[in-house]
Amino acid sequence: MALNKTKLGADLLAMMTDANEKAWAPKQVADAMAAAIDSYVRGGDVNGVRAVLPNGQVAVQSSPVHPS
């Protein structure tokens, strides 16, 4: 799964800057951090999934699938 670590870092830095400048409560910080992590995970491409089917055949997904 390809994830964009650079974007996550930028989003977390922006969140921490806002939290500091606006004196956010801990709940606001946690919510913003959760949103950044959620965006990071949902922004990844799933690639190379391999599944063994009940009849013994193997199915392989090799093209990127974008999570929705």
PDB file of N, CA and C in Angstrom:
ATOM      1  N   MET A   1       0.854  -1.168   0.000  1.00  0.00           N
ATOM      2  CA  MET A   1       0.000   0.000   0.000  1.00  0.00           C
ATOM      3  C   MET A   1       0.899   1.229   0.000  1.00  0.00           C
ATOM      4  N   ALA A   2       0.766   2.053  -1.013  1.00  0.00           N
ATOM      5  CA  ALA A   2       1.579   3.263  -1.129  1.00  0.00           C
ATOM      6  C   ALA A   2       0.918   4.406  -0.357  1.00  0.00           C
ATOM      7  N   LEU A   3       1.638   4.944   0.618  1.00  0.00           N
ATOM      8  CA  LEU A   3       1.112   6.035   1.435  1.00  0.00           C
ATOM      9  C   LEU A   3       2.025   7.248   1.312  1.00  0.00           C
ATOM     10  N   ASN A   4       1.456   8.435   1.422  1.00  0.00           N
ATOM     11  CA  ASN A   4       2.199   9.674   1.247  1.00  0.00           C
ATOM     12  C   ASN A   4       2.639  10.227   2.605  1.00  0.00           C
ATOM     13  N   LYS A   5       3.816   9.791   3.044  1.00  0.00           N
ATOM     14  CA  LYS A   5       4.344  10.202   4.352  1.00  0.00           C
ATOM     15  C   LYS A   5       4.621  11.703   4.397  1.00  0.00           C
ATOM     16  N   THR A   6       5.048  12.278   3.276  1.00  0.00           N
ATOM     17  CA  THR A   6       5.335  13.714   3.222  1.00  0.00           C
ATOM     18  C   THR A   6       4.079  14.527   3.498  1.00  0.00           C
ATOM     19  N   LYS A   7       2.956  14.133   2.886  1.00  0.00           N
ATOM     20  CA  LYS A   7       1.691  14.848   3.102  1.00  0.00           C
ATOM     21  C   LYS A   7       1.241  14.706   4.554  1.00  0.00           C
ATOM     22  N   LEU A   8       1.377  13.507   5.120  1.00  0.00           N
ATOM     23  CA  LEU A   8       0.992  13.316   6.521  1.00  0.00           C
ATOM     24  C   LEU A   8       1.811  14.238   7.412  1.00  0.00           C
ATOM     25  N   GLY A   9       3.117  14.303   7.184  1.00  0.00           N
ATOM     26  CA  GLY A   9       3.971  15.175   7.983  1.00  0.00           C
ATOM     27  C   GLY A   9       3.550  16.633   7.878  1.00  0.00           C
ATOM     28  N   ALA A  10       3.242  17.078   6.648  1.00  0.00           N
ATOM     29  CA  ALA A  10       2.808  18.458   6.442  1.00  0.00           C
ATOM     30  C   ALA A  10       1.473  18.720   7.126  1.00  0.00           C
ATOM     31  N   ASP A  11       0.539  17.770   7.023  1.00  0.00           N
ATOM     32  CA  ASP A  11      -0.771  17.931   7.666  1.00  0.00           C
ATOM     33  C   ASP A  11      -0.644  17.983   9.191  1.00  0.00           C
ATOM     34  N   LEU A  12       0.208  17.132   9.758  1.00  0.00           N
ATOM     35  CA  LEU A  12       0.395  17.135  11.211  1.00  0.00           C
ATOM     36  C   LEU A  12       1.080  18.424  11.675  1.00  0.00           C
ATOM     37  N   LEU A  13       2.057  18.901  10.905  1.00  0.00           N
ATOM     38  CA  LEU A  13       2.725  20.149  11.264  1.00  0.00           C
ATOM     39  C   LEU A  13       1.739  21.318  11.216  1.00  0.00           C
ATOM     40  N   ALA A  14       0.906  21.361  10.176  1.00  0.00           N
ATOM     41  CA  ALA A  14      -0.105  22.428  10.076  1.00  0.00           C
ATOM     42  C   ALA A  14      -1.077  22.350  11.245  1.00  0.00           C
ATOM     43  N   MET A  15      -1.474  21.129  11.603  1.00  0.00           N
ATOM     44  CA  MET A  15      -2.394  20.939  12.728  1.00  0.00           C
ATOM     45  C   MET A  15      -1.757  21.426  14.025  1.00  0.00           C
ATOM     46  N   MET A  16      -0.490  21.084  14.250  1.00  0.00           N
ATOM     47  CA  MET A  16       0.179  21.492  15.492  1.00  0.00           C
ATOM     48  C   MET A  16       0.389  23.004  15.542  1.00  0.00           C
ATOM     49  N   THR A  17       0.672  23.611  14.391  1.00  0.00           N
ATOM     50  CA  THR A  17       0.823  25.061  14.331  1.00  0.00           C
ATOM     51  C   THR A  17      -0.493  25.749  14.682  1.00  0.00           C
ATOM     52  N   ASP A  18      -1.593  25.274  14.077  1.00  0.00           N
ATOM     53  CA  ASP A  18      -2.918  25.827  14.400  1.00  0.00           C
ATOM     54  C   ASP A  18      -3.245  25.643  15.872  1.00  0.00           C
ATOM     55  N   ALA A  19      -2.972  24.438  16.387  1.00  0.00           N
ATOM     56  CA  ALA A  19      -3.278  24.152  17.792  1.00  0.00           C
ATOM     57  C   ALA A  19      -2.524  25.094  18.718  1.00  0.00           C
ATOM     58  N   ASN A  20      -1.272  25.363  18.394  1.00  0.00           N
ATOM     59  CA  ASN A  20      -0.462  26.258  19.219  1.00  0.00           C
ATOM     60  C   ASN A  20      -0.957  27.700  19.122  1.00  0.00           C
ATOM     61  N   GLU A  21      -1.194  28.166  17.885  1.00  0.00           N
ATOM     62  CA  GLU A  21      -1.606  29.555  17.677  1.00  0.00           C
ATOM     63  C   GLU A  21      -3.002  29.850  18.220  1.00  0.00           C
ATOM     64  N   LYS A  22      -3.878  28.852  18.185  1.00  0.00           N
ATOM     65  CA  LYS A  22      -5.274  29.062  18.577  1.00  0.00           C
ATOM     66  C   LYS A  22      -5.612  28.460  19.940  1.00  0.00           C
ATOM     67  N   ALA A  23      -4.584  27.967  20.637  1.00  0.00           N
ATOM     68  CA  ALA A  23      -4.765  27.384  21.975  1.00  0.00           C
ATOM     69  C   ALA A  23      -5.891  26.352  22.011  1.00  0.00           C
ATOM     70  N   TRP A  24      -5.794  25.370  21.114  1.00  0.00           N
ATOM     71  CA  TRP A  24      -6.811  24.319  21.054  1.00  0.00           C
ATOM     72  C   TRP A  24      -6.830  23.490  22.334  1.00  0.00           C
ATOM     73  N   ALA A  25      -8.000  22.997  22.645  1.00  0.00           N
ATOM     74  CA  ALA A  25      -8.167  22.043  23.746  1.00  0.00           C
ATOM     75  C   ALA A  25      -7.642  20.678  23.280  1.00  0.00           C
ATOM     76  N   PRO A  26      -7.259  19.804  24.219  1.00  0.00           N
ATOM     77  CA  PRO A  26      -6.760  18.484  23.843  1.00  0.00           C
ATOM     78  C   PRO A  26      -7.703  17.713  22.901  1.00  0.00           C
ATOM     79  N   LYS A  27      -9.005  17.824  23.107  1.00  0.00           N
ATOM     80  CA  LYS A  27      -9.976  17.132  22.243  1.00  0.00           C
ATOM     81  C   LYS A  27      -9.862  17.630  20.799  1.00  0.00           C
ATOM     82  N   GLN A  28      -9.674  18.943  20.614  1.00  0.00           N
ATOM     83  CA  GLN A  28      -9.523  19.502  19.265  1.00  0.00           C
ATOM     84  C   GLN A  28      -8.251  18.971  18.602  1.00  0.00           C
ATOM     85  N   VAL A  29      -7.183  18.885  19.370  1.00  0.00           N
ATOM     86  CA  VAL A  29      -5.918  18.367  18.841  1.00  0.00           C
ATOM     87  C   VAL A  29      -6.089  16.909  18.429  1.00  0.00           C
ATOM     88  N   ALA A  30      -6.708  16.120  19.287  1.00  0.00           N
ATOM     89  CA  ALA A  30      -6.917  14.700  18.988  1.00  0.00           C
ATOM     90  C   ALA A  30      -7.788  14.519  17.745  1.00  0.00           C
ATOM     91  N   ASP A  31      -8.841  15.308  17.621  1.00  0.00           N
ATOM     92  CA  ASP A  31      -9.721  15.217  16.450  1.00  0.00           C
ATOM     93  C   ASP A  31      -8.980  15.586  15.168  1.00  0.00           C
ATOM     94  N   ALA A  32      -8.178  16.636  15.220  1.00  0.00           N
ATOM     95  CA  ALA A  32      -7.425  17.058  14.041  1.00  0.00           C
ATOM     96  C   ALA A  32      -6.363  16.030  13.669  1.00  0.00           C
ATOM     97  N   MET A  33      -5.724  15.439  14.671  1.00  0.00           N
ATOM     98  CA  MET A  33      -4.721  14.410  14.410  1.00  0.00           C
ATOM     99  C   MET A  33      -5.377  13.170  13.798  1.00  0.00           C
ATOM    100  N   ALA A  34      -6.524  12.786  14.327  1.00  0.00           N
ATOM    101  CA  ALA A  34      -7.254  11.639  13.780  1.00  0.00           C
ATOM    102  C   ALA A  34      -7.663  11.898  12.333  1.00  0.00           C
ATOM    103  N   ALA A  35      -8.070  13.116  12.022  1.00  0.00           N
ATOM    104  CA  ALA A  35      -8.459  13.463  10.649  1.00  0.00           C
ATOM    105  C   ALA A  35      -7.256  13.385   9.717  1.00  0.00           C
ATOM    106  N   ALA A  36      -6.093  13.833  10.165  1.00  0.00           N
ATOM    107  CA  ALA A  36      -4.883  13.769   9.341  1.00  0.00           C
ATOM    108  C   ALA A  36      -4.479  12.324   9.074  1.00  0.00           C
ATOM    109  N   ILE A  37      -4.560  11.486  10.089  1.00  0.00           N
ATOM    110  CA  ILE A  37      -4.206  10.069   9.929  1.00  0.00           C
ATOM    111  C   ILE A  37      -5.222   9.365   9.038  1.00  0.00           C
ATOM    112  N   ASP A  38      -6.498   9.670   9.206  1.00  0.00           N
ATOM    113  CA  ASP A  38      -7.545   9.089   8.371  1.00  0.00           C
ATOM    114  C   ASP A  38      -7.304   9.453   6.903  1.00  0.00           C
ATOM    115  N   SER A  39      -6.989  10.712   6.637  1.00  0.00           N
ATOM    116  CA  SER A  39      -6.713  11.161   5.273  1.00  0.00           C
ATOM    117  C   SER A  39      -5.490  10.444   4.715  1.00  0.00           C
ATOM    118  N   TYR A  40      -4.479  10.232   5.540  1.00  0.00           N
ATOM    119  CA  TYR A  40      -3.249   9.527   5.143  1.00  0.00           C
ATOM    120  C   TYR A  40      -3.561   8.095   4.703  1.00  0.00           C
ATOM    121  N   VAL A  41      -4.330   7.399   5.499  1.00  0.00           N
ATOM    122  CA  VAL A  41      -4.638   6.002   5.195  1.00  0.00           C
ATOM    123  C   VAL A  41      -5.566   5.890   3.990  1.00  0.00           C
ATOM    124  N   ARG A  42      -6.592   6.729   3.939  1.00  0.00           N
ATOM    125  CA  ARG A  42      -7.525   6.668   2.813  1.00  0.00           C
ATOM    126  C   ARG A  42      -6.893   7.147   1.509  1.00  0.00           C
ATOM    127  N   GLY A  43      -5.810   7.894   1.596  1.00  0.00           N
ATOM    128  CA  GLY A  43      -5.150   8.407   0.396  1.00  0.00           C
ATOM    129  C   GLY A  43      -4.203   7.421  -0.251  1.00  0.00           C
ATOM    130  N   GLY A  44      -4.018   6.257   0.359  1.00  0.00           N
ATOM    131  CA  GLY A  44      -3.098   5.263  -0.182  1.00  0.00           C
ATOM    132  C   GLY A  44      -3.705   4.450  -1.303  1.00  0.00           C
ATOM    133  N   ASP A  45      -2.846   3.929  -2.164  1.00  0.00           N
ATOM    134  CA  ASP A  45      -3.273   3.032  -3.234  1.00  0.00           C
ATOM    135  C   ASP A  45      -3.018   1.596  -2.806  1.00  0.00           C
ATOM    136  N   VAL A  46      -4.018   0.758  -2.964  1.00  0.00           N
ATOM    137  CA  VAL A  46      -3.873  -0.667  -2.670  1.00  0.00           C
ATOM    138  C   VAL A  46      -3.383  -1.324  -3.943  1.00  0.00           C
ATOM    139  N   ASN A  47      -2.310  -2.101  -3.842  1.00  0.00           N
ATOM    140  CA  ASN A  47      -1.740  -2.727  -5.029  1.00  0.00           C
ATOM    141  C   ASN A  47      -1.152  -4.088  -4.660  1.00  0.00           C
ATOM    142  N   GLY A  48      -1.317  -5.055  -5.532  1.00  0.00           N
ATOM    143  CA  GLY A  48      -0.701  -6.359  -5.341  1.00  0.00           C
ATOM    144  C   GLY A  48      -1.432  -7.278  -4.384  1.00  0.00           C
ATOM    145  N   VAL A  49      -2.750  -7.204  -4.327  1.00  0.00           N
ATOM    146  CA  VAL A  49      -3.524  -8.086  -3.452  1.00  0.00           C
ATOM    147  C   VAL A  49      -3.584  -9.476  -4.075  1.00  0.00           C
ATOM    148  N   ARG A  50      -3.345 -10.497  -3.270  1.00  0.00           N
ATOM    149  CA  ARG A  50      -3.372 -11.887  -3.728  1.00  0.00           C
ATOM    150  C   ARG A  50      -4.339 -12.647  -2.839  1.00  0.00           C
ATOM    151  N   ALA A  51      -5.294 -13.354  -3.466  1.00  0.00           N
ATOM    152  CA  ALA A  51      -6.286 -14.110  -2.696  1.00  0.00           C
ATOM    153  C   ALA A  51      -6.391 -15.518  -3.241  1.00  0.00           C
ATOM    154  N   VAL A  52      -6.465 -16.489  -2.330  1.00  0.00           N
ATOM    155  CA  VAL A  52      -6.696 -17.875  -2.732  1.00  0.00           C
ATOM    156  C   VAL A  52      -8.196 -18.122  -2.622  1.00  0.00           C
ATOM    157  N   LEU A  53      -8.805 -18.490  -3.741  1.00  0.00           N
ATOM    158  CA  LEU A  53     -10.245 -18.702  -3.800  1.00  0.00           C
ATOM    159  C   LEU A  53     -10.606 -20.082  -3.264  1.00  0.00           C
ATOM    160  N   PRO A  54     -11.876 -20.292  -2.887  1.00  0.00           N
ATOM    161  CA  PRO A  54     -12.283 -21.576  -2.317  1.00  0.00           C
ATOM    162  C   PRO A  54     -11.958 -22.782  -3.212  1.00  0.00           C
ATOM    163  N   ASN A  55     -11.953 -22.597  -4.533  1.00  0.00           N
ATOM    164  CA  ASN A  55     -11.660 -23.721  -5.426  1.00  0.00           C
ATOM    165  C   ASN A  55     -10.161 -23.922  -5.638  1.00  0.00           C
ATOM    166  N   GLY A  56      -9.335 -23.175  -4.918  1.00  0.00           N
ATOM    167  CA  GLY A  56      -7.886 -23.322  -5.000  1.00  0.00           C
ATOM    168  C   GLY A  56      -7.217 -22.401  -6.000  1.00  0.00           C
ATOM    169  N   GLN A  57      -7.991 -21.732  -6.824  1.00  0.00           N
ATOM    170  CA  GLN A  57      -7.402 -20.784  -7.759  1.00  0.00           C
ATOM    171  C   GLN A  57      -6.881 -19.562  -7.002  1.00  0.00           C
ATOM    172  N   VAL A  58      -5.932 -18.892  -7.619  1.00  0.00           N
ATOM    173  CA  VAL A  58      -5.359 -17.696  -7.020  1.00  0.00           C
ATOM    174  C   VAL A  58      -5.771 -16.495  -7.866  1.00  0.00           C
ATOM    175  N   ALA A  59      -6.279 -15.461  -7.206  1.00  0.00           N
ATOM    176  CA  ALA A  59      -6.630 -14.217  -7.876  1.00  0.00           C
ATOM    177  C   ALA A  59      -5.649 -13.146  -7.432  1.00  0.00           C
ATOM    178  N   VAL A  60      -5.117 -12.391  -8.393  1.00  0.00           N
ATOM    179  CA  VAL A  60      -4.140 -11.350  -8.092  1.00  0.00           C
ATOM    180  C   VAL A  60      -4.630 -10.035  -8.676  1.00  0.00           C
ATOM    181  N   GLN A  61      -4.661  -9.002  -7.875  1.00  0.00           N
ATOM    182  CA  GLN A  61      -5.013  -7.657  -8.311  1.00  0.00           C
ATOM    183  C   GLN A  61      -3.707  -6.910  -8.418  1.00  0.00           C
ATOM    184  N   SER A  62      -3.347  -6.489  -9.629  1.00  0.00           N
ATOM    185  CA  SER A  62      -2.053  -5.842  -9.818  1.00  0.00           C
ATOM    186  C   SER A  62      -2.161  -4.365 -10.160  1.00  0.00           C
ATOM    187  N   SER A  63      -3.336  -3.887 -10.529  1.00  0.00           N
ATOM    188  CA  SER A  63      -3.520  -2.462 -10.817  1.00  0.00           C
ATOM    189  C   SER A  63      -3.910  -1.743  -9.541  1.00  0.00           C
ATOM    190  N   PRO A  64      -3.447  -0.507  -9.378  1.00  0.00           N
ATOM    191  CA  PRO A  64      -3.802   0.237  -8.167  1.00  0.00           C
ATOM    192  C   PRO A  64      -5.308   0.410  -8.016  1.00  0.00           C
ATOM    193  N   VAL A  65      -5.776   0.273  -6.804  1.00  0.00           N
ATOM    194  CA  VAL A  65      -7.164   0.509  -6.459  1.00  0.00           C
ATOM    195  C   VAL A  65      -7.168   1.652  -5.450  1.00  0.00           C
ATOM    196  N   HIS A  66      -7.908   2.699  -5.744  1.00  0.00           N
ATOM    197  CA  HIS A  66      -7.954   3.862  -4.864  1.00  0.00           C
ATOM    198  C   HIS A  66      -9.110   3.706  -3.877  1.00  0.00           C
ATOM    199  N   PRO A  67      -8.825   3.731  -2.561  1.00  0.00           N
ATOM    200  CA  PRO A  67      -9.894   3.609  -1.580  1.00  0.00           C
ATOM    201  C   PRO A  67     -10.855   4.795  -1.659  1.00  0.00           C
ATOM    202  N   SER A  68     -12.096   4.538  -1.334  1.00  0.00           N
ATOM    203  CA  SER A  68     -13.070   5.644  -1.380  1.00  0.00           C
ATOM    204  C   SER A  68     -13.554   5.990  -0.005  1.00  0.00           C
TER     205      SER A  68
END
